[in-house]
Amino acid sequence: LVDVMNWHEHYAYILIVATDQGVTGRELTEIYGLNYANHRVNFQRLNVDLAQFGWHFVSEPRTTQNKPWGWWLVPI
């Protein structure tokens, strides 16, 4: 999947989440340098293209409800 989607303009999200499951929006900016105002929008755009391969991104709490949520790449 990571190789097949390397053409996508937001490919960095696929690569990062595939190798760092549970990464948060803050980590995407501070650690990986993805400077977007709303990472969720990019994940939604990617989900449209990933669906044809049977995958999608989901966001869930990493620990408790009031803590940062992380992103996972999972089969549909």
PDB file of N, CA and C in Angstrom:
ATOM      1  N   LEU A   1       0.832  -1.195   0.000  1.00  0.00           N
ATOM      2  CA  LEU A   1       0.000   0.000   0.000  1.00  0.00           C
ATOM      3  C   LEU A   1       0.872   1.253   0.000  1.00  0.00           C
ATOM      4  N   VAL A   2       1.916   1.256   0.814  1.00  0.00           N
ATOM      5  CA  VAL A   2       2.803   2.416   0.890  1.00  0.00           C
ATOM      6  C   VAL A   2       3.444   2.671  -0.468  1.00  0.00           C
ATOM      7  N   ASP A   3       3.868   1.627  -1.156  1.00  0.00           N
ATOM      8  CA  ASP A   3       4.466   1.789  -2.482  1.00  0.00           C
ATOM      9  C   ASP A   3       3.445   2.189  -3.540  1.00  0.00           C
ATOM     10  N   VAL A   4       2.274   1.588  -3.491  1.00  0.00           N
ATOM     11  CA  VAL A   4       1.237   1.852  -4.492  1.00  0.00           C
ATOM     12  C   VAL A   4       0.753   3.298  -4.424  1.00  0.00           C
ATOM     13  N   MET A   5       0.708   3.884  -3.239  1.00  0.00           N
ATOM     14  CA  MET A   5       0.163   5.230  -3.065  1.00  0.00           C
ATOM     15  C   MET A   5       1.227   6.333  -3.133  1.00  0.00           C
ATOM     16  N   ASN A   6       2.445   6.031  -3.555  1.00  0.00           N
ATOM     17  CA  ASN A   6       3.515   7.033  -3.521  1.00  0.00           C
ATOM     18  C   ASN A   6       3.280   8.207  -4.453  1.00  0.00           C
ATOM     19  N   TRP A   7       2.301   8.160  -5.316  1.00  0.00           N
ATOM     20  CA  TRP A   7       1.966   9.250  -6.219  1.00  0.00           C
ATOM     21  C   TRP A   7       1.122  10.338  -5.552  1.00  0.00           C
ATOM     22  N   HIS A   8       0.511  10.023  -4.416  1.00  0.00           N
ATOM     23  CA  HIS A   8      -0.469  10.937  -3.806  1.00  0.00           C
ATOM     24  C   HIS A   8       0.206  12.164  -3.209  1.00  0.00           C
ATOM     25  N   GLU A   9      -0.428  13.333  -3.363  1.00  0.00           N
ATOM     26  CA  GLU A   9       0.163  14.568  -2.840  1.00  0.00           C
ATOM     27  C   GLU A   9       0.326  14.552  -1.318  1.00  0.00           C
ATOM     28  N   HIS A  10      -0.461  13.745  -0.613  1.00  0.00           N
ATOM     29  CA  HIS A  10      -0.339  13.638   0.838  1.00  0.00           C
ATOM     30  C   HIS A  10       0.263  12.294   1.248  1.00  0.00           C
ATOM     31  N   TYR A  11       1.119  11.776   0.404  1.00  0.00           N
ATOM     32  CA  TYR A  11       1.768  10.481   0.627  1.00  0.00           C
ATOM     33  C   TYR A  11       2.496  10.419   1.965  1.00  0.00           C
ATOM     34  N   ALA A  12       3.049  11.527   2.424  1.00  0.00           N
ATOM     35  CA  ALA A  12       3.790  11.533   3.690  1.00  0.00           C
ATOM     36  C   ALA A  12       2.927  11.016   4.834  1.00  0.00           C
ATOM     37  N   TYR A  13       1.642  11.315   4.812  1.00  0.00           N
ATOM     38  CA  TYR A  13       0.740  10.829   5.859  1.00  0.00           C
ATOM     39  C   TYR A  13       0.688   9.302   5.863  1.00  0.00           C
ATOM     40  N   ILE A  14       0.606   8.715   4.692  1.00  0.00           N
ATOM     41  CA  ILE A  14       0.544   7.254   4.595  1.00  0.00           C
ATOM     42  C   ILE A  14       1.812   6.644   5.156  1.00  0.00           C
ATOM     43  N   LEU A  15       2.943   7.157   4.737  1.00  0.00           N
ATOM     44  CA  LEU A  15       4.232   6.632   5.188  1.00  0.00           C
ATOM     45  C   LEU A  15       4.400   6.785   6.694  1.00  0.00           C
ATOM     46  N   ILE A  16       4.069   7.943   7.218  1.00  0.00           N
ATOM     47  CA  ILE A  16       4.250   8.204   8.651  1.00  0.00           C
ATOM     48  C   ILE A  16       3.329   7.318   9.487  1.00  0.00           C
ATOM     49  N   VAL A  17       2.047   7.275   9.151  1.00  0.00           N
ATOM     50  CA  VAL A  17       1.106   6.498   9.963  1.00  0.00           C
ATOM     51  C   VAL A  17       1.380   5.000   9.822  1.00  0.00           C
ATOM     52  N   ALA A  18       1.815   4.567   8.660  1.00  0.00           N
ATOM     53  CA  ALA A  18       2.138   3.149   8.478  1.00  0.00           C
ATOM     54  C   ALA A  18       3.314   2.726   9.352  1.00  0.00           C
ATOM     55  N   THR A  19       4.218   3.650   9.632  1.00  0.00           N
ATOM     56  CA  THR A  19       5.402   3.316  10.426  1.00  0.00           C
ATOM     57  C   THR A  19       5.321   3.803  11.868  1.00  0.00           C
ATOM     58  N   ASP A  20       4.360   4.679  12.178  1.00  0.00           N
ATOM     59  CA  ASP A  20       4.207   5.223  13.529  1.00  0.00           C
ATOM     60  C   ASP A  20       2.721   5.241  13.891  1.00  0.00           C
ATOM     61  N   GLN A  21       2.124   4.043  14.000  1.00  0.00           N
ATOM     62  CA  GLN A  21       0.704   3.923  14.311  1.00  0.00           C
ATOM     63  C   GLN A  21       0.380   4.651  15.616  1.00  0.00           C
ATOM     64  N   GLY A  22      -0.683   5.454  15.586  1.00  0.00           N
ATOM     65  CA  GLY A  22      -1.099   6.199  16.767  1.00  0.00           C
ATOM     66  C   GLY A  22      -0.502   7.590  16.849  1.00  0.00           C
ATOM     67  N   VAL A  23       0.193   8.021  15.801  1.00  0.00           N
ATOM     68  CA  VAL A  23       0.788   9.354  15.792  1.00  0.00           C
ATOM     69  C   VAL A  23      -0.316  10.411  15.914  1.00  0.00           C
ATOM     70  N   THR A  24      -0.050  11.469  16.653  1.00  0.00           N
ATOM     71  CA  THR A  24      -1.038  12.534  16.866  1.00  0.00           C
ATOM     72  C   THR A  24      -0.835  13.662  15.863  1.00  0.00           C
ATOM     73  N   GLY A  25      -1.839  14.529  15.753  1.00  0.00           N
ATOM     74  CA  GLY A  25      -1.718  15.698  14.892  1.00  0.00           C
ATOM     75  C   GLY A  25      -0.559  16.579  15.313  1.00  0.00           C
ATOM     76  N   ARG A  26      -0.381  16.745  16.597  1.00  0.00           N
ATOM     77  CA  ARG A  26       0.735  17.564  17.098  1.00  0.00           C
ATOM     78  C   ARG A  26       2.073  16.954  16.689  1.00  0.00           C
ATOM     79  N   GLU A  27       2.194  15.636  16.797  1.00  0.00           N
ATOM     80  CA  GLU A  27       3.434  14.964  16.403  1.00  0.00           C
ATOM     81  C   GLU A  27       3.673  15.081  14.903  1.00  0.00           C
ATOM     82  N   LEU A  28       2.599  15.029  14.118  1.00  0.00           N
ATOM     83  CA  LEU A  28       2.755  15.203  12.670  1.00  0.00           C
ATOM     84  C   LEU A  28       3.403  16.547  12.357  1.00  0.00           C
ATOM     85  N   THR A  29       3.051  17.561  13.127  1.00  0.00           N
ATOM     86  CA  THR A  29       3.621  18.888  12.916  1.00  0.00           C
ATOM     87  C   THR A  29       4.997  19.015  13.549  1.00  0.00           C
ATOM     88  N   GLU A  30       5.108  18.684  14.830  1.00  0.00           N
ATOM     89  CA  GLU A  30       6.342  18.937  15.570  1.00  0.00           C
ATOM     90  C   GLU A  30       7.478  17.970  15.253  1.00  0.00           C
ATOM     91  N   ILE A  31       7.166  16.716  15.031  1.00  0.00           N
ATOM     92  CA  ILE A  31       8.218  15.719  14.787  1.00  0.00           C
ATOM     93  C   ILE A  31       8.476  15.549  13.288  1.00  0.00           C
ATOM     94  N   TYR A  32       7.394  15.480  12.512  1.00  0.00           N
ATOM     95  CA  TYR A  32       7.527  15.163  11.089  1.00  0.00           C
ATOM     96  C   TYR A  32       7.469  16.380  10.169  1.00  0.00           C
ATOM     97  N   GLY A  33       7.177  17.551  10.713  1.00  0.00           N
ATOM     98  CA  GLY A  33       7.220  18.781   9.926  1.00  0.00           C
ATOM     99  C   GLY A  33       6.091  18.963   8.923  1.00  0.00           C
ATOM    100  N   LEU A  34       4.949  18.298   9.121  1.00  0.00           N
ATOM    101  CA  LEU A  34       3.799  18.492   8.238  1.00  0.00           C
ATOM    102  C   LEU A  34       3.007  19.685   8.748  1.00  0.00           C
ATOM    103  N   ASN A  35       3.178  20.815   8.123  1.00  0.00           N
ATOM    104  CA  ASN A  35       2.595  22.062   8.604  1.00  0.00           C
ATOM    105  C   ASN A  35       1.281  22.380   7.918  1.00  0.00           C
ATOM    106  N   TYR A  36       0.223  21.701   8.352  1.00  0.00           N
ATOM    107  CA  TYR A  36      -1.119  21.958   7.849  1.00  0.00           C
ATOM    108  C   TYR A  36      -1.987  22.401   9.012  1.00  0.00           C
ATOM    109  N   ALA A  37      -2.925  23.296   8.729  1.00  0.00           N
ATOM    110  CA  ALA A  37      -3.803  23.796   9.783  1.00  0.00           C
ATOM    111  C   ALA A  37      -4.732  22.706  10.309  1.00  0.00           C
ATOM    112  N   ASN A  38      -5.111  21.769   9.441  1.00  0.00           N
ATOM    113  CA  ASN A  38      -6.071  20.745   9.841  1.00  0.00           C
ATOM    114  C   ASN A  38      -5.686  19.411   9.200  1.00  0.00           C
ATOM    115  N   HIS A  39      -4.940  18.596   9.917  1.00  0.00           N
ATOM    116  CA  HIS A  39      -4.506  17.303   9.397  1.00  0.00           C
ATOM    117  C   HIS A  39      -5.691  16.406   9.059  1.00  0.00           C
ATOM    118  N   ARG A  40      -6.766  16.537   9.811  1.00  0.00           N
ATOM    119  CA  ARG A  40      -7.946  15.686   9.609  1.00  0.00           C
ATOM    120  C   ARG A  40      -8.473  15.802   8.171  1.00  0.00           C
ATOM    121  N   VAL A  41      -8.446  16.986   7.595  1.00  0.00           N
ATOM    122  CA  VAL A  41      -8.914  17.180   6.227  1.00  0.00           C
ATOM    123  C   VAL A  41      -8.075  16.339   5.267  1.00  0.00           C
ATOM    124  N   ASN A  42      -6.771  16.312   5.465  1.00  0.00           N
ATOM    125  CA  ASN A  42      -5.914  15.522   4.582  1.00  0.00           C
ATOM    126  C   ASN A  42      -6.176  14.028   4.747  1.00  0.00           C
ATOM    127  N   PHE A  43      -6.437  13.588   5.962  1.00  0.00           N
ATOM    128  CA  PHE A  43      -6.771  12.182   6.173  1.00  0.00           C
ATOM    129  C   PHE A  43      -8.091  11.836   5.471  1.00  0.00           C
ATOM    130  N   GLN A  44      -9.055  12.736   5.508  1.00  0.00           N
ATOM    131  CA  GLN A  44     -10.325  12.488   4.835  1.00  0.00           C
ATOM    132  C   GLN A  44     -10.131  12.383   3.324  1.00  0.00           C
ATOM    133  N   ARG A  45      -9.290  13.245   2.777  1.00  0.00           N
ATOM    134  CA  ARG A  45      -9.000  13.184   1.340  1.00  0.00           C
ATOM    135  C   ARG A  45      -8.312  11.876   0.984  1.00  0.00           C
ATOM    136  N   LEU A  46      -7.380  11.468   1.808  1.00  0.00           N
ATOM    137  CA  LEU A  46      -6.678  10.218   1.560  1.00  0.00           C
ATOM    138  C   LEU A  46      -7.608   9.022   1.663  1.00  0.00           C
ATOM    139  N   ASN A  47      -8.537   9.055   2.587  1.00  0.00           N
ATOM    140  CA  ASN A  47      -9.458   7.927   2.765  1.00  0.00           C
ATOM    141  C   ASN A  47     -10.248   7.627   1.493  1.00  0.00           C
ATOM    142  N   VAL A  48     -10.564   8.647   0.732  1.00  0.00           N
ATOM    143  CA  VAL A  48     -11.289   8.439  -0.520  1.00  0.00           C
ATOM    144  C   VAL A  48     -10.447   7.571  -1.460  1.00  0.00           C
ATOM    145  N   ASP A  49      -9.164   7.880  -1.585  1.00  0.00           N
ATOM    146  CA  ASP A  49      -8.286   7.129  -2.479  1.00  0.00           C
ATOM    147  C   ASP A  49      -7.868   5.785  -1.899  1.00  0.00           C
ATOM    148  N   LEU A  50      -7.698   5.721  -0.597  1.00  0.00           N
ATOM    149  CA  LEU A  50      -7.291   4.464   0.037  1.00  0.00           C
ATOM    150  C   LEU A  50      -8.401   3.414   0.002  1.00  0.00           C
ATOM    151  N   ALA A  51      -9.642   3.861  -0.030  1.00  0.00           N
ATOM    152  CA  ALA A  51     -10.783   2.931  -0.007  1.00  0.00           C
ATOM    153  C   ALA A  51     -10.730   1.940  -1.160  1.00  0.00           C
ATOM    154  N   GLN A  52     -10.234   2.372  -2.301  1.00  0.00           N
ATOM    155  CA  GLN A  52     -10.170   1.467  -3.452  1.00  0.00           C
ATOM    156  C   GLN A  52      -9.195   0.313  -3.226  1.00  0.00           C
ATOM    157  N   PHE A  53      -8.316   0.456  -2.234  1.00  0.00           N
ATOM    158  CA  PHE A  53      -7.367  -0.605  -1.893  1.00  0.00           C
ATOM    159  C   PHE A  53      -7.763  -1.345  -0.617  1.00  0.00           C
ATOM    160  N   GLY A  54      -8.922  -0.949  -0.034  1.00  0.00           N
ATOM    161  CA  GLY A  54      -9.419  -1.632   1.152  1.00  0.00           C
ATOM    162  C   GLY A  54      -8.818  -1.154   2.460  1.00  0.00           C
ATOM    163  N   TRP A  55      -8.321   0.085   2.496  1.00  0.00           N
ATOM    164  CA  TRP A  55      -7.716   0.643   3.711  1.00  0.00           C
ATOM    165  C   TRP A  55      -8.330   2.000   4.004  1.00  0.00           C
ATOM    166  N   HIS A  56      -8.181   2.440   5.245  1.00  0.00           N
ATOM    167  CA  HIS A  56      -8.581   3.795   5.623  1.00  0.00           C
ATOM    168  C   HIS A  56      -7.894   4.188   6.924  1.00  0.00           C
ATOM    169  N   PHE A  57      -7.896   5.488   7.175  1.00  0.00           N
ATOM    170  CA  PHE A  57      -7.355   6.022   8.425  1.00  0.00           C
ATOM    171  C   PHE A  57      -8.482   6.150   9.435  1.00  0.00           C
ATOM    172  N   VAL A  58      -8.182   5.859  10.687  1.00  0.00           N
ATOM    173  CA  VAL A  58      -9.122   6.092  11.773  1.00  0.00           C
ATOM    174  C   VAL A  58      -8.399   6.860  12.867  1.00  0.00           C
ATOM    175  N   SER A  59      -9.147   7.643  13.594  1.00  0.00           N
ATOM    176  CA  SER A  59      -8.606   8.400  14.710  1.00  0.00           C
ATOM    177  C   SER A  59      -9.298   7.935  15.985  1.00  0.00           C
ATOM    178  N   GLU A  60      -8.502   7.624  16.982  1.00  0.00           N
ATOM    179  CA  GLU A  60      -9.028   7.146  18.260  1.00  0.00           C
ATOM    180  C   GLU A  60      -8.193   7.717  19.398  1.00  0.00           C
ATOM    181  N   PRO A  61      -8.768   7.772  20.596  1.00  0.00           N
ATOM    182  CA  PRO A  61      -7.978   8.230  21.747  1.00  0.00           C
ATOM    183  C   PRO A  61      -6.808   7.284  21.991  1.00  0.00           C
ATOM    184  N   ARG A  62      -5.644   7.843  22.238  1.00  0.00           N
ATOM    185  CA  ARG A  62      -4.484   6.999  22.541  1.00  0.00           C
ATOM    186  C   ARG A  62      -4.541   6.480  23.963  1.00  0.00           C
ATOM    187  N   THR A  63      -5.044   7.291  24.863  1.00  0.00           N
ATOM    188  CA  THR A  63      -5.140   6.863  26.264  1.00  0.00           C
ATOM    189  C   THR A  63      -6.539   7.142  26.785  1.00  0.00           C
ATOM    190  N   THR A  64      -6.781   8.354  27.234  1.00  0.00           N
ATOM    191  CA  THR A  64      -8.100   8.711  27.749  1.00  0.00           C
ATOM    192  C   THR A  64      -8.768   9.723  26.826  1.00  0.00           C
ATOM    193  N   GLN A  65     -10.049   9.896  27.001  1.00  0.00           N
ATOM    194  CA  GLN A  65     -10.853  10.739  26.117  1.00  0.00           C
ATOM    195  C   GLN A  65     -10.314  12.164  25.983  1.00  0.00           C
ATOM    196  N   ASN A  66      -9.789  12.743  27.038  1.00  0.00           N
ATOM    197  CA  ASN A  66      -9.349  14.136  27.006  1.00  0.00           C
ATOM    198  C   ASN A  66      -7.891  14.305  26.602  1.00  0.00           C
ATOM    199  N   LYS A  67      -7.240  13.254  26.222  1.00  0.00           N
ATOM    200  CA  LYS A  67      -5.844  13.312  25.762  1.00  0.00           C
ATOM    201  C   LYS A  67      -5.824  13.317  24.243  1.00  0.00           C
ATOM    202  N   PRO A  68      -4.661  13.589  23.643  1.00  0.00           N
ATOM    203  CA  PRO A  68      -4.593  13.621  22.173  1.00  0.00           C
ATOM    204  C   PRO A  68      -5.027  12.299  21.539  1.00  0.00           C
ATOM    205  N   TRP A  69      -5.662  12.436  20.395  1.00  0.00           N
ATOM    206  CA  TRP A  69      -6.073  11.276  19.613  1.00  0.00           C
ATOM    207  C   TRP A  69      -4.981  10.947  18.612  1.00  0.00           C
ATOM    208  N   GLY A  70      -4.849   9.677  18.304  1.00  0.00           N
ATOM    209  CA  GLY A  70      -3.862   9.247  17.336  1.00  0.00           C
ATOM    210  C   GLY A  70      -4.513   8.734  16.064  1.00  0.00           C
ATOM    211  N   TRP A  71      -3.690   8.537  15.048  1.00  0.00           N
ATOM    212  CA  TRP A  71      -4.151   8.054  13.751  1.00  0.00           C
ATOM    213  C   TRP A  71      -3.597   6.670  13.471  1.00  0.00           C
ATOM    214  N   TRP A  72      -4.474   5.800  12.948  1.00  0.00           N
ATOM    215  CA  TRP A  72      -4.098   4.432  12.563  1.00  0.00           C
ATOM    216  C   TRP A  72      -4.528   4.189  11.134  1.00  0.00           C
ATOM    217  N   LEU A  73      -3.770   3.367  10.440  1.00  0.00           N
ATOM    218  CA  LEU A  73      -4.096   2.912   9.097  1.00  0.00           C
ATOM    219  C   LEU A  73      -4.555   1.472   9.220  1.00  0.00           C
ATOM    220  N   VAL A  74      -5.823   1.213   8.884  1.00  0.00           N
ATOM    221  CA  VAL A  74      -6.410  -0.114   9.119  1.00  0.00           C
ATOM    222  C   VAL A  74      -7.208  -0.578   7.898  1.00  0.00           C
ATOM    223  N   PRO A  75      -7.360  -1.891   7.762  1.00  0.00           N
ATOM    224  CA  PRO A  75      -8.206  -2.401   6.674  1.00  0.00           C
ATOM    225  C   PRO A  75      -9.669  -2.015   6.904  1.00  0.00           C
ATOM    226  N   ILE A  76     -10.391  -1.853   5.825  1.00  0.00           N
ATOM    227  CA  ILE A  76     -11.823  -1.512   5.918  1.00  0.00           C
ATOM    228  C   ILE A  76     -12.600  -2.742   6.331  1.00  0.00           C
TER     229      ILE A  76
END
